[in-house]
N, C-alpha and C. Protein backbone atom coordinates (compact mmCIF):
# COMPACT_ATOMS: atom_id res chain seq x y z
N MET A 1 1.82 -11.73 -8.43
CA MET A 1 1.29 -10.64 -9.22
C MET A 1 1.98 -9.33 -8.83
N ILE A 2 2.36 -8.56 -9.82
CA ILE A 2 2.97 -7.25 -9.61
C ILE A 2 2.04 -6.23 -10.25
N LYS A 3 1.58 -5.26 -9.47
CA LYS A 3 0.62 -4.26 -9.94
C LYS A 3 1.18 -2.87 -9.72
N VAL A 4 1.20 -2.06 -10.78
CA VAL A 4 1.65 -0.67 -10.70
C VAL A 4 0.42 0.24 -10.65
N ILE A 5 0.39 1.17 -9.71
CA ILE A 5 -0.73 2.10 -9.55
C ILE A 5 -0.22 3.51 -9.70
N ASP A 6 -0.73 4.24 -10.68
CA ASP A 6 -0.37 5.63 -10.90
C ASP A 6 -1.27 6.55 -10.08
N ASN A 7 -0.77 7.75 -9.80
CA ASN A 7 -1.56 8.80 -9.13
C ASN A 7 -2.25 8.28 -7.87
N VAL A 8 -1.45 7.73 -6.97
CA VAL A 8 -1.98 7.15 -5.73
C VAL A 8 -2.63 8.23 -4.87
N LEU A 9 -1.99 9.38 -4.76
CA LEU A 9 -2.51 10.48 -3.95
C LEU A 9 -3.01 11.61 -4.84
N SER A 10 -3.92 12.41 -4.30
CA SER A 10 -4.31 13.63 -5.01
C SER A 10 -3.08 14.53 -5.10
N GLU A 11 -3.08 15.46 -6.02
CA GLU A 11 -1.93 16.36 -6.18
C GLU A 11 -1.66 17.14 -4.88
N GLU A 12 -2.72 17.57 -4.21
CA GLU A 12 -2.57 18.32 -2.96
C GLU A 12 -1.94 17.45 -1.86
N SER A 13 -2.44 16.23 -1.69
CA SER A 13 -1.88 15.33 -0.68
C SER A 13 -0.44 14.97 -1.00
N TYR A 14 -0.19 14.67 -2.28
CA TYR A 14 1.17 14.33 -2.70
C TYR A 14 2.13 15.48 -2.37
N ASN A 15 1.78 16.70 -2.80
CA ASN A 15 2.67 17.85 -2.56
C ASN A 15 2.94 18.06 -1.08
N SER A 16 1.92 17.92 -0.27
CA SER A 16 2.06 18.12 1.17
C SER A 16 3.03 17.08 1.77
N LEU A 17 2.84 15.81 1.45
CA LEU A 17 3.71 14.77 2.00
C LEU A 17 5.12 14.84 1.43
N TYR A 18 5.25 15.14 0.15
CA TYR A 18 6.58 15.22 -0.46
C TYR A 18 7.39 16.37 0.16
N LYS A 19 6.74 17.50 0.34
CA LYS A 19 7.44 18.64 0.96
C LYS A 19 7.85 18.30 2.40
N LEU A 20 7.01 17.54 3.09
CA LEU A 20 7.33 17.14 4.45
C LEU A 20 8.54 16.20 4.46
N LEU A 21 8.50 15.13 3.65
CA LEU A 21 9.59 14.16 3.65
C LEU A 21 10.90 14.74 3.15
N SER A 22 10.84 15.65 2.21
CA SER A 22 12.06 16.24 1.65
C SER A 22 12.51 17.47 2.44
N ASN A 23 11.85 17.71 3.58
CA ASN A 23 12.19 18.81 4.50
C ASN A 23 12.16 20.19 3.85
N ARG A 24 11.21 20.37 2.95
CA ARG A 24 10.99 21.69 2.36
C ARG A 24 10.04 22.52 3.21
N ILE A 25 9.31 21.83 4.10
CA ILE A 25 8.43 22.51 5.06
C ILE A 25 8.57 21.81 6.41
N GLN A 26 8.22 22.50 7.47
CA GLN A 26 8.17 21.89 8.79
C GLN A 26 6.78 21.36 9.02
N GLY A 27 6.71 20.17 9.60
CA GLY A 27 5.43 19.61 10.01
C GLY A 27 5.07 20.14 11.37
N PRO A 28 3.99 19.65 11.95
CA PRO A 28 3.57 20.11 13.28
C PRO A 28 4.59 19.79 14.37
N TYR A 29 5.51 18.85 14.09
CA TYR A 29 6.52 18.45 15.08
C TYR A 29 7.93 18.82 14.63
N GLY A 30 8.05 19.76 13.72
CA GLY A 30 9.36 20.15 13.20
C GLY A 30 9.64 19.47 11.87
N TYR A 31 10.90 19.44 11.48
CA TYR A 31 11.27 18.80 10.24
C TYR A 31 11.17 17.28 10.36
N PHE A 32 10.92 16.62 9.23
CA PHE A 32 10.79 15.17 9.21
C PHE A 32 12.11 14.54 9.63
N PRO A 33 12.10 13.66 10.63
CA PRO A 33 13.36 13.08 11.13
C PRO A 33 13.81 11.87 10.29
N TRP A 34 14.98 11.99 9.72
CA TRP A 34 15.62 10.89 9.00
C TRP A 34 16.77 10.36 9.85
N TYR A 35 16.96 9.04 9.84
CA TYR A 35 18.00 8.41 10.64
C TYR A 35 18.94 7.63 9.71
N LEU A 36 20.23 7.82 9.90
CA LEU A 36 21.23 7.19 9.06
C LEU A 36 21.13 5.66 9.15
N SER A 37 21.13 5.01 8.00
CA SER A 37 21.17 3.56 7.92
C SER A 37 22.39 3.20 7.10
N SER A 38 23.31 2.46 7.69
CA SER A 38 24.57 2.17 7.01
C SER A 38 24.40 1.27 5.80
N ASN A 39 23.27 0.57 5.70
CA ASN A 39 23.03 -0.30 4.56
C ASN A 39 21.52 -0.47 4.42
N ILE A 40 20.95 0.08 3.36
CA ILE A 40 19.50 0.10 3.19
C ILE A 40 18.91 -1.30 2.98
N ALA A 41 19.59 -2.16 2.24
CA ALA A 41 19.06 -3.50 1.96
C ALA A 41 20.13 -4.55 2.19
N TYR A 42 19.80 -5.52 2.99
CA TYR A 42 20.70 -6.64 3.23
C TYR A 42 20.22 -7.83 2.42
N SER A 43 21.14 -8.67 2.06
CA SER A 43 20.81 -9.90 1.36
C SER A 43 20.08 -10.83 2.32
N ASP A 44 19.28 -11.76 1.77
CA ASP A 44 18.65 -12.79 2.58
C ASP A 44 19.67 -13.77 3.13
N LYS A 45 20.84 -13.83 2.51
CA LYS A 45 21.90 -14.69 3.03
C LYS A 45 22.47 -13.98 4.25
N LYS A 46 22.28 -14.55 5.41
CA LYS A 46 22.58 -13.88 6.68
C LYS A 46 24.02 -13.43 6.81
N ASP A 47 24.95 -14.11 6.11
CA ASP A 47 26.35 -13.73 6.22
C ASP A 47 26.81 -12.83 5.09
N GLU A 48 25.90 -12.45 4.22
CA GLU A 48 26.27 -11.63 3.07
C GLU A 48 25.55 -10.28 3.15
N TYR A 49 26.31 -9.21 3.14
CA TYR A 49 25.73 -7.89 3.20
C TYR A 49 25.73 -7.26 1.82
N ALA A 50 24.80 -6.37 1.61
CA ALA A 50 24.72 -5.66 0.35
C ALA A 50 25.87 -4.65 0.25
N ASP A 51 25.91 -3.94 -0.83
CA ASP A 51 26.94 -2.94 -1.10
C ASP A 51 27.06 -1.96 0.07
N PRO A 52 28.22 -1.85 0.70
CA PRO A 52 28.37 -0.93 1.82
C PRO A 52 28.24 0.54 1.41
N ASN A 53 28.28 0.81 0.11
CA ASN A 53 28.07 2.18 -0.36
C ASN A 53 26.59 2.50 -0.50
N ASN A 54 25.73 1.55 -0.20
CA ASN A 54 24.28 1.73 -0.33
C ASN A 54 23.69 2.22 0.98
N PHE A 55 24.30 3.22 1.56
CA PHE A 55 23.74 3.79 2.78
C PHE A 55 22.64 4.77 2.40
N GLY A 56 21.87 5.14 3.37
CA GLY A 56 20.78 6.08 3.13
C GLY A 56 20.19 6.46 4.48
N PHE A 57 18.97 6.92 4.43
CA PHE A 57 18.29 7.35 5.64
C PHE A 57 16.94 6.66 5.73
N ALA A 58 16.53 6.34 6.94
CA ALA A 58 15.28 5.62 7.16
C ALA A 58 14.47 6.31 8.25
N HIS A 59 13.19 6.07 8.21
CA HIS A 59 12.28 6.53 9.26
C HIS A 59 11.23 5.43 9.42
N PHE A 60 11.32 4.67 10.51
CA PHE A 60 10.31 3.64 10.80
C PHE A 60 9.15 4.32 11.51
N PHE A 61 7.97 4.26 10.90
CA PHE A 61 6.82 4.92 11.53
C PHE A 61 5.87 3.91 12.16
N THR A 62 6.21 2.62 12.06
CA THR A 62 5.49 1.59 12.82
C THR A 62 6.53 0.67 13.46
N SER A 63 6.06 -0.12 14.42
CA SER A 63 6.89 -1.19 14.95
C SER A 63 7.03 -2.25 13.86
N ILE A 64 7.86 -3.26 14.10
CA ILE A 64 8.05 -4.35 13.14
C ILE A 64 7.44 -5.61 13.74
N SER A 65 6.48 -6.21 13.04
CA SER A 65 5.85 -7.44 13.51
C SER A 65 6.78 -8.61 13.28
N LYS A 66 6.83 -9.48 14.25
CA LYS A 66 7.69 -10.68 14.17
C LYS A 66 6.94 -11.91 13.68
N SER A 67 5.60 -11.82 13.60
CA SER A 67 4.81 -12.96 13.13
C SER A 67 3.54 -12.45 12.47
N PRO A 68 2.88 -13.32 11.68
CA PRO A 68 1.64 -12.88 11.02
C PRO A 68 0.49 -12.64 11.98
N ASN A 69 0.64 -13.04 13.23
CA ASN A 69 -0.41 -12.82 14.23
C ASN A 69 -0.25 -11.52 14.98
N GLU A 70 0.75 -10.76 14.64
CA GLU A 70 1.06 -9.52 15.36
C GLU A 70 0.93 -8.32 14.41
N ASN A 71 0.13 -7.36 14.78
CA ASN A 71 0.00 -6.14 13.99
C ASN A 71 1.03 -5.11 14.43
N ALA A 72 1.49 -4.31 13.49
CA ALA A 72 2.40 -3.22 13.81
C ALA A 72 1.65 -2.13 14.57
N VAL A 73 2.39 -1.35 15.31
CA VAL A 73 1.84 -0.24 16.08
C VAL A 73 2.49 1.05 15.57
N ILE A 74 1.69 2.10 15.43
CA ILE A 74 2.23 3.39 15.00
C ILE A 74 3.18 3.89 16.09
N ILE A 75 4.41 4.25 15.71
CA ILE A 75 5.39 4.73 16.68
C ILE A 75 5.92 6.11 16.33
N SER A 76 5.37 6.73 15.31
CA SER A 76 5.81 8.05 14.88
C SER A 76 4.60 8.94 14.65
N GLN A 77 4.77 10.21 14.95
CA GLN A 77 3.67 11.16 14.71
C GLN A 77 3.37 11.29 13.22
N TYR A 78 4.25 10.79 12.35
CA TYR A 78 4.03 10.86 10.91
C TYR A 78 3.37 9.60 10.37
N GLY A 79 3.09 8.63 11.24
CA GLY A 79 2.52 7.36 10.81
C GLY A 79 1.18 7.48 10.11
N TYR A 80 0.27 8.21 10.68
CA TYR A 80 -1.08 8.29 10.09
C TYR A 80 -1.09 8.99 8.73
N PRO A 81 -0.39 10.12 8.57
CA PRO A 81 -0.37 10.71 7.22
C PRO A 81 0.25 9.76 6.18
N LEU A 82 1.30 9.03 6.56
CA LEU A 82 1.94 8.13 5.61
C LEU A 82 1.07 6.91 5.31
N LEU A 83 0.26 6.47 6.28
CA LEU A 83 -0.64 5.34 6.04
C LEU A 83 -1.71 5.65 5.00
N SER A 84 -1.99 6.94 4.78
CA SER A 84 -2.97 7.29 3.75
C SER A 84 -2.52 6.79 2.38
N ILE A 85 -1.21 6.67 2.18
CA ILE A 85 -0.68 6.15 0.91
C ILE A 85 -1.16 4.72 0.70
N LEU A 86 -0.97 3.86 1.71
CA LEU A 86 -1.37 2.46 1.60
C LEU A 86 -2.88 2.33 1.44
N HIS A 87 -3.64 3.10 2.20
CA HIS A 87 -5.10 3.02 2.10
C HIS A 87 -5.57 3.42 0.69
N ASN A 88 -4.98 4.47 0.14
CA ASN A 88 -5.36 4.89 -1.22
C ASN A 88 -4.98 3.84 -2.26
N ALA A 89 -3.78 3.27 -2.14
CA ALA A 89 -3.33 2.24 -3.10
C ALA A 89 -4.24 1.01 -3.02
N CYS A 90 -4.57 0.57 -1.80
CA CYS A 90 -5.47 -0.58 -1.65
C CYS A 90 -6.84 -0.30 -2.26
N ALA A 91 -7.36 0.90 -2.03
CA ALA A 91 -8.67 1.26 -2.58
C ALA A 91 -8.65 1.23 -4.11
N GLN A 92 -7.56 1.67 -4.70
CA GLN A 92 -7.48 1.71 -6.16
C GLN A 92 -7.43 0.33 -6.80
N VAL A 93 -6.97 -0.68 -6.06
CA VAL A 93 -6.96 -2.05 -6.60
C VAL A 93 -8.09 -2.90 -6.02
N GLY A 94 -8.95 -2.29 -5.21
CA GLY A 94 -10.15 -2.97 -4.72
C GLY A 94 -9.92 -3.97 -3.60
N VAL A 95 -8.97 -3.69 -2.72
CA VAL A 95 -8.75 -4.56 -1.56
C VAL A 95 -8.79 -3.72 -0.29
N ASN A 96 -9.03 -4.39 0.83
CA ASN A 96 -9.05 -3.74 2.14
C ASN A 96 -7.88 -4.22 2.97
N LEU A 97 -7.23 -3.30 3.63
CA LEU A 97 -6.11 -3.62 4.50
C LEU A 97 -6.59 -4.51 5.65
N LEU A 98 -5.91 -5.63 5.88
CA LEU A 98 -6.26 -6.52 6.97
C LEU A 98 -5.27 -6.38 8.12
N ASN A 99 -3.98 -6.58 7.84
CA ASN A 99 -2.93 -6.46 8.86
C ASN A 99 -1.79 -5.62 8.31
N LEU A 100 -1.23 -4.78 9.13
CA LEU A 100 -0.04 -4.03 8.78
C LEU A 100 1.11 -4.58 9.61
N TYR A 101 2.18 -5.00 8.93
CA TYR A 101 3.31 -5.60 9.63
C TYR A 101 4.47 -4.64 9.84
N GLN A 102 4.67 -3.72 8.93
CA GLN A 102 5.65 -2.67 9.15
C GLN A 102 5.48 -1.58 8.11
N GLY A 103 5.88 -0.37 8.49
CA GLY A 103 5.83 0.78 7.60
C GLY A 103 7.06 1.63 7.84
N ARG A 104 7.73 1.97 6.74
CA ARG A 104 8.95 2.77 6.87
C ARG A 104 9.18 3.57 5.61
N ALA A 105 9.88 4.66 5.79
CA ALA A 105 10.25 5.52 4.66
C ALA A 105 11.76 5.44 4.48
N PHE A 106 12.20 5.53 3.24
CA PHE A 106 13.63 5.52 2.93
C PHE A 106 13.97 6.69 2.02
N MET A 107 15.12 7.26 2.27
CA MET A 107 15.69 8.25 1.36
C MET A 107 17.06 7.71 0.95
N LEU A 108 17.18 7.31 -0.30
CA LEU A 108 18.46 6.85 -0.81
C LEU A 108 19.18 8.03 -1.42
N THR A 109 20.43 8.16 -1.09
CA THR A 109 21.24 9.28 -1.58
C THR A 109 21.89 8.90 -2.90
N PRO A 110 22.34 9.88 -3.68
CA PRO A 110 23.06 9.55 -4.91
C PRO A 110 24.27 8.67 -4.58
N SER A 111 24.42 7.62 -5.36
CA SER A 111 25.44 6.62 -5.06
C SER A 111 26.75 6.87 -5.80
N ILE A 112 27.84 6.42 -5.19
CA ILE A 112 29.13 6.49 -5.90
C ILE A 112 29.27 5.31 -6.86
N SER A 113 28.36 4.34 -6.77
CA SER A 113 28.34 3.22 -7.71
C SER A 113 26.90 3.02 -8.20
N PRO A 114 26.38 3.98 -9.02
CA PRO A 114 24.98 3.92 -9.44
C PRO A 114 24.69 2.68 -10.28
N GLY A 115 23.44 2.21 -10.16
CA GLY A 115 22.98 1.08 -10.94
C GLY A 115 23.34 -0.26 -10.34
N LYS A 116 24.08 -0.26 -9.25
CA LYS A 116 24.46 -1.52 -8.62
C LYS A 116 23.31 -1.99 -7.73
N ALA A 117 22.99 -3.27 -7.82
CA ALA A 117 21.90 -3.82 -7.01
C ALA A 117 22.36 -4.05 -5.59
N SER A 118 21.47 -3.74 -4.65
CA SER A 118 21.76 -4.09 -3.26
C SER A 118 21.35 -5.54 -3.06
N GLY A 119 21.29 -5.98 -1.83
CA GLY A 119 21.01 -7.39 -1.55
C GLY A 119 19.63 -7.83 -2.00
N ILE A 120 19.57 -8.96 -2.69
CA ILE A 120 18.28 -9.55 -3.07
C ILE A 120 17.66 -10.12 -1.80
N HIS A 121 16.39 -9.80 -1.57
CA HIS A 121 15.78 -10.16 -0.30
C HIS A 121 14.27 -10.24 -0.41
N THR A 122 13.65 -10.76 0.64
CA THR A 122 12.23 -10.58 0.91
C THR A 122 12.18 -9.87 2.25
N ASP A 123 11.14 -9.09 2.48
CA ASP A 123 11.11 -8.23 3.67
C ASP A 123 10.85 -8.98 4.96
N LEU A 124 9.99 -10.01 4.91
CA LEU A 124 9.61 -10.74 6.12
C LEU A 124 9.71 -12.24 5.87
N ASP A 125 9.74 -13.00 6.95
CA ASP A 125 9.87 -14.45 6.86
C ASP A 125 8.54 -15.18 6.83
N PHE A 126 7.44 -14.47 6.64
CA PHE A 126 6.12 -15.09 6.57
C PHE A 126 5.33 -14.42 5.45
N PRO A 127 4.24 -15.06 4.96
CA PRO A 127 3.48 -14.51 3.83
C PRO A 127 2.99 -13.09 4.10
N HIS A 128 3.16 -12.23 3.10
CA HIS A 128 2.74 -10.83 3.21
C HIS A 128 2.72 -10.21 1.82
N GLN A 129 2.21 -9.02 1.74
CA GLN A 129 2.23 -8.22 0.52
C GLN A 129 3.15 -7.03 0.77
N VAL A 130 3.64 -6.44 -0.33
CA VAL A 130 4.48 -5.25 -0.24
C VAL A 130 3.86 -4.16 -1.09
N CYS A 131 3.89 -2.96 -0.58
CA CYS A 131 3.52 -1.78 -1.35
C CYS A 131 4.69 -0.81 -1.24
N LEU A 132 5.33 -0.53 -2.38
CA LEU A 132 6.39 0.48 -2.44
C LEU A 132 5.79 1.71 -3.10
N TYR A 133 5.90 2.83 -2.45
CA TYR A 133 5.38 4.08 -2.99
C TYR A 133 6.56 4.99 -3.32
N TYR A 134 6.59 5.47 -4.55
CA TYR A 134 7.68 6.33 -5.00
C TYR A 134 7.24 7.80 -4.95
N PHE A 135 7.99 8.60 -4.21
CA PHE A 135 7.68 10.03 -4.12
C PHE A 135 8.24 10.81 -5.29
N ASN A 136 9.29 10.31 -5.92
CA ASN A 136 9.90 11.09 -7.00
C ASN A 136 10.39 10.18 -8.11
N ASP A 137 10.57 10.78 -9.29
CA ASP A 137 11.18 10.07 -10.40
C ASP A 137 12.63 9.81 -10.03
N SER A 138 13.11 8.62 -10.31
CA SER A 138 14.48 8.27 -9.96
C SER A 138 14.94 7.15 -10.88
N ASP A 139 16.23 6.95 -10.94
CA ASP A 139 16.77 5.88 -11.77
C ASP A 139 17.12 4.65 -10.97
N GLY A 140 16.87 4.63 -9.68
CA GLY A 140 17.16 3.46 -8.85
C GLY A 140 16.04 2.44 -8.96
N ASP A 141 16.08 1.59 -10.00
CA ASP A 141 15.00 0.64 -10.27
C ASP A 141 14.79 -0.33 -9.11
N THR A 142 13.55 -0.84 -8.99
CA THR A 142 13.25 -1.99 -8.16
C THR A 142 13.24 -3.17 -9.10
N VAL A 143 14.02 -4.21 -8.76
CA VAL A 143 14.18 -5.36 -9.65
C VAL A 143 13.65 -6.60 -8.95
N PHE A 144 12.88 -7.42 -9.69
CA PHE A 144 12.25 -8.62 -9.16
C PHE A 144 12.88 -9.86 -9.80
N PHE A 145 12.96 -10.94 -9.01
CA PHE A 145 13.62 -12.16 -9.45
C PHE A 145 12.72 -13.37 -9.24
N ASP A 146 12.92 -14.40 -10.08
CA ASP A 146 12.24 -15.66 -9.82
C ASP A 146 13.03 -16.42 -8.75
N ASN A 147 12.57 -17.60 -8.38
CA ASN A 147 13.23 -18.34 -7.30
C ASN A 147 14.60 -18.88 -7.70
N ASP A 148 14.94 -18.82 -8.98
CA ASP A 148 16.26 -19.24 -9.44
C ASP A 148 17.23 -18.06 -9.53
N GLY A 149 16.77 -16.87 -9.14
CA GLY A 149 17.63 -15.69 -9.16
C GLY A 149 17.69 -14.99 -10.51
N LYS A 150 16.81 -15.37 -11.43
CA LYS A 150 16.78 -14.74 -12.76
C LYS A 150 15.84 -13.53 -12.72
N GLU A 151 16.32 -12.42 -13.27
CA GLU A 151 15.48 -11.21 -13.29
C GLU A 151 14.22 -11.48 -14.10
N MET A 152 13.06 -11.10 -13.52
CA MET A 152 11.79 -11.30 -14.22
C MET A 152 11.03 -10.01 -14.49
N TYR A 153 11.36 -8.94 -13.75
CA TYR A 153 10.65 -7.67 -13.97
C TYR A 153 11.45 -6.57 -13.29
N ARG A 154 11.36 -5.37 -13.84
CA ARG A 154 11.97 -4.21 -13.18
C ARG A 154 11.02 -3.03 -13.33
N ASN A 155 11.07 -2.17 -12.32
CA ASN A 155 10.21 -0.99 -12.31
C ASN A 155 11.04 0.24 -11.97
N THR A 156 10.93 1.26 -12.80
CA THR A 156 11.63 2.51 -12.56
C THR A 156 10.74 3.43 -11.73
N PRO A 157 11.23 3.94 -10.61
CA PRO A 157 10.42 4.81 -9.76
C PRO A 157 9.88 6.03 -10.51
N LYS A 158 8.61 6.26 -10.33
CA LYS A 158 7.91 7.38 -10.97
C LYS A 158 7.11 8.10 -9.89
N LYS A 159 7.16 9.40 -9.92
CA LYS A 159 6.47 10.26 -8.94
C LYS A 159 5.02 9.82 -8.73
N ASN A 160 4.62 9.72 -7.44
CA ASN A 160 3.24 9.45 -7.03
C ASN A 160 2.71 8.11 -7.56
N THR A 161 3.60 7.13 -7.64
CA THR A 161 3.23 5.81 -8.13
C THR A 161 3.59 4.76 -7.08
N ALA A 162 2.77 3.73 -6.99
CA ALA A 162 3.04 2.60 -6.09
C ALA A 162 3.15 1.33 -6.91
N ILE A 163 3.90 0.39 -6.38
CA ILE A 163 3.94 -0.95 -6.95
C ILE A 163 3.61 -1.90 -5.82
N MET A 164 2.63 -2.78 -6.07
CA MET A 164 2.18 -3.73 -5.07
C MET A 164 2.50 -5.13 -5.56
N PHE A 165 3.00 -5.98 -4.64
CA PHE A 165 3.39 -7.32 -5.07
C PHE A 165 3.43 -8.28 -3.90
N ASP A 166 3.44 -9.57 -4.23
CA ASP A 166 3.56 -10.63 -3.24
C ASP A 166 4.92 -10.53 -2.58
N GLY A 167 4.94 -10.45 -1.26
CA GLY A 167 6.19 -10.27 -0.54
C GLY A 167 7.15 -11.45 -0.61
N ASN A 168 6.69 -12.58 -1.12
CA ASN A 168 7.57 -13.73 -1.29
C ASN A 168 8.43 -13.63 -2.56
N ILE A 169 8.18 -12.63 -3.40
CA ILE A 169 8.99 -12.44 -4.60
C ILE A 169 10.30 -11.78 -4.20
N PRO A 170 11.44 -12.43 -4.45
CA PRO A 170 12.73 -11.80 -4.14
C PRO A 170 12.90 -10.52 -4.96
N HIS A 171 13.41 -9.48 -4.32
CA HIS A 171 13.56 -8.19 -5.00
C HIS A 171 14.74 -7.43 -4.43
N THR A 172 15.10 -6.36 -5.10
CA THR A 172 16.18 -5.49 -4.66
C THR A 172 15.96 -4.12 -5.28
N ASN A 173 16.75 -3.16 -4.81
CA ASN A 173 16.76 -1.86 -5.46
C ASN A 173 18.14 -1.64 -6.05
N GLU A 174 18.18 -0.88 -7.14
CA GLU A 174 19.46 -0.46 -7.69
C GLU A 174 19.79 0.90 -7.10
N THR A 175 21.06 1.15 -6.90
CA THR A 175 21.48 2.43 -6.32
C THR A 175 21.23 3.55 -7.33
N PRO A 176 20.69 4.69 -6.88
CA PRO A 176 20.34 5.78 -7.79
C PRO A 176 21.45 6.80 -7.99
N THR A 177 21.31 7.61 -9.04
CA THR A 177 22.23 8.73 -9.24
C THR A 177 21.64 10.03 -8.69
N ASN A 178 20.36 9.99 -8.31
CA ASN A 178 19.74 11.14 -7.66
C ASN A 178 19.00 10.64 -6.42
N PHE A 179 18.48 11.53 -5.62
CA PHE A 179 17.76 11.13 -4.42
C PHE A 179 16.55 10.28 -4.79
N ARG A 180 16.28 9.28 -3.98
CA ARG A 180 15.13 8.39 -4.19
C ARG A 180 14.37 8.33 -2.87
N TYR A 181 13.16 8.87 -2.85
CA TYR A 181 12.30 8.83 -1.67
C TYR A 181 11.23 7.77 -1.88
N ILE A 182 11.15 6.80 -0.97
CA ILE A 182 10.12 5.77 -1.06
C ILE A 182 9.51 5.53 0.32
N VAL A 183 8.31 4.97 0.31
CA VAL A 183 7.68 4.48 1.52
C VAL A 183 7.37 3.01 1.26
N ASN A 184 7.71 2.15 2.22
CA ASN A 184 7.57 0.71 2.08
C ASN A 184 6.61 0.20 3.14
N PHE A 185 5.58 -0.53 2.71
CA PHE A 185 4.61 -1.15 3.61
C PHE A 185 4.64 -2.66 3.42
N ASN A 186 4.54 -3.41 4.51
CA ASN A 186 4.34 -4.85 4.46
C ASN A 186 3.01 -5.11 5.16
N TYR A 187 2.13 -5.87 4.50
CA TYR A 187 0.74 -5.98 4.98
C TYR A 187 0.08 -7.22 4.40
N THR A 188 -1.15 -7.50 4.83
CA THR A 188 -2.04 -8.46 4.19
C THR A 188 -3.36 -7.74 3.92
N PHE A 189 -4.16 -8.30 3.02
CA PHE A 189 -5.41 -7.66 2.66
C PHE A 189 -6.50 -8.71 2.47
N ILE A 190 -7.73 -8.22 2.41
CA ILE A 190 -8.89 -9.05 2.03
C ILE A 190 -9.59 -8.34 0.90
N LYS A 191 -10.25 -9.10 0.06
CA LYS A 191 -10.99 -8.50 -1.07
C LYS A 191 -12.40 -8.18 -0.68
């Protein structure tokens, strides 16, 4: 199931977090720290890498769980404000967060090869859900595939919108022509 949720945050919360992530304001600990990632998405094929022009910036605000029995730990002072996104999205679809496996923010830069898909992948090797939250309108679509590699759905990033889906669905992002700010959560829930 793929579910799109509009207006995940209140306008005030959205503006505050967007200004923080886009470094338009300083947070209590200075400007939001972004770290260069030479390749935002790798293919599930271990020997195949995605487009090397698909670099961007990342900020991991939790640890990464290696198994479904391990919960992620907040490792960034920005973790709790960013977790409000997932809590709001879960509340809007009527589920409660059970386990958080990883949380990270990405800033994709305008690409020299826009519209090109990065590596088709799943985020974790065990059952989980994914919540992608889009901070801004962008043309870098998220594309979903069936198990035969055929495109089955695509979603264009829209400001203050989240898309929630089964983490076993292979997916990728297309490279954007403008900046694309997203927050990605991997988790499980209970109803």
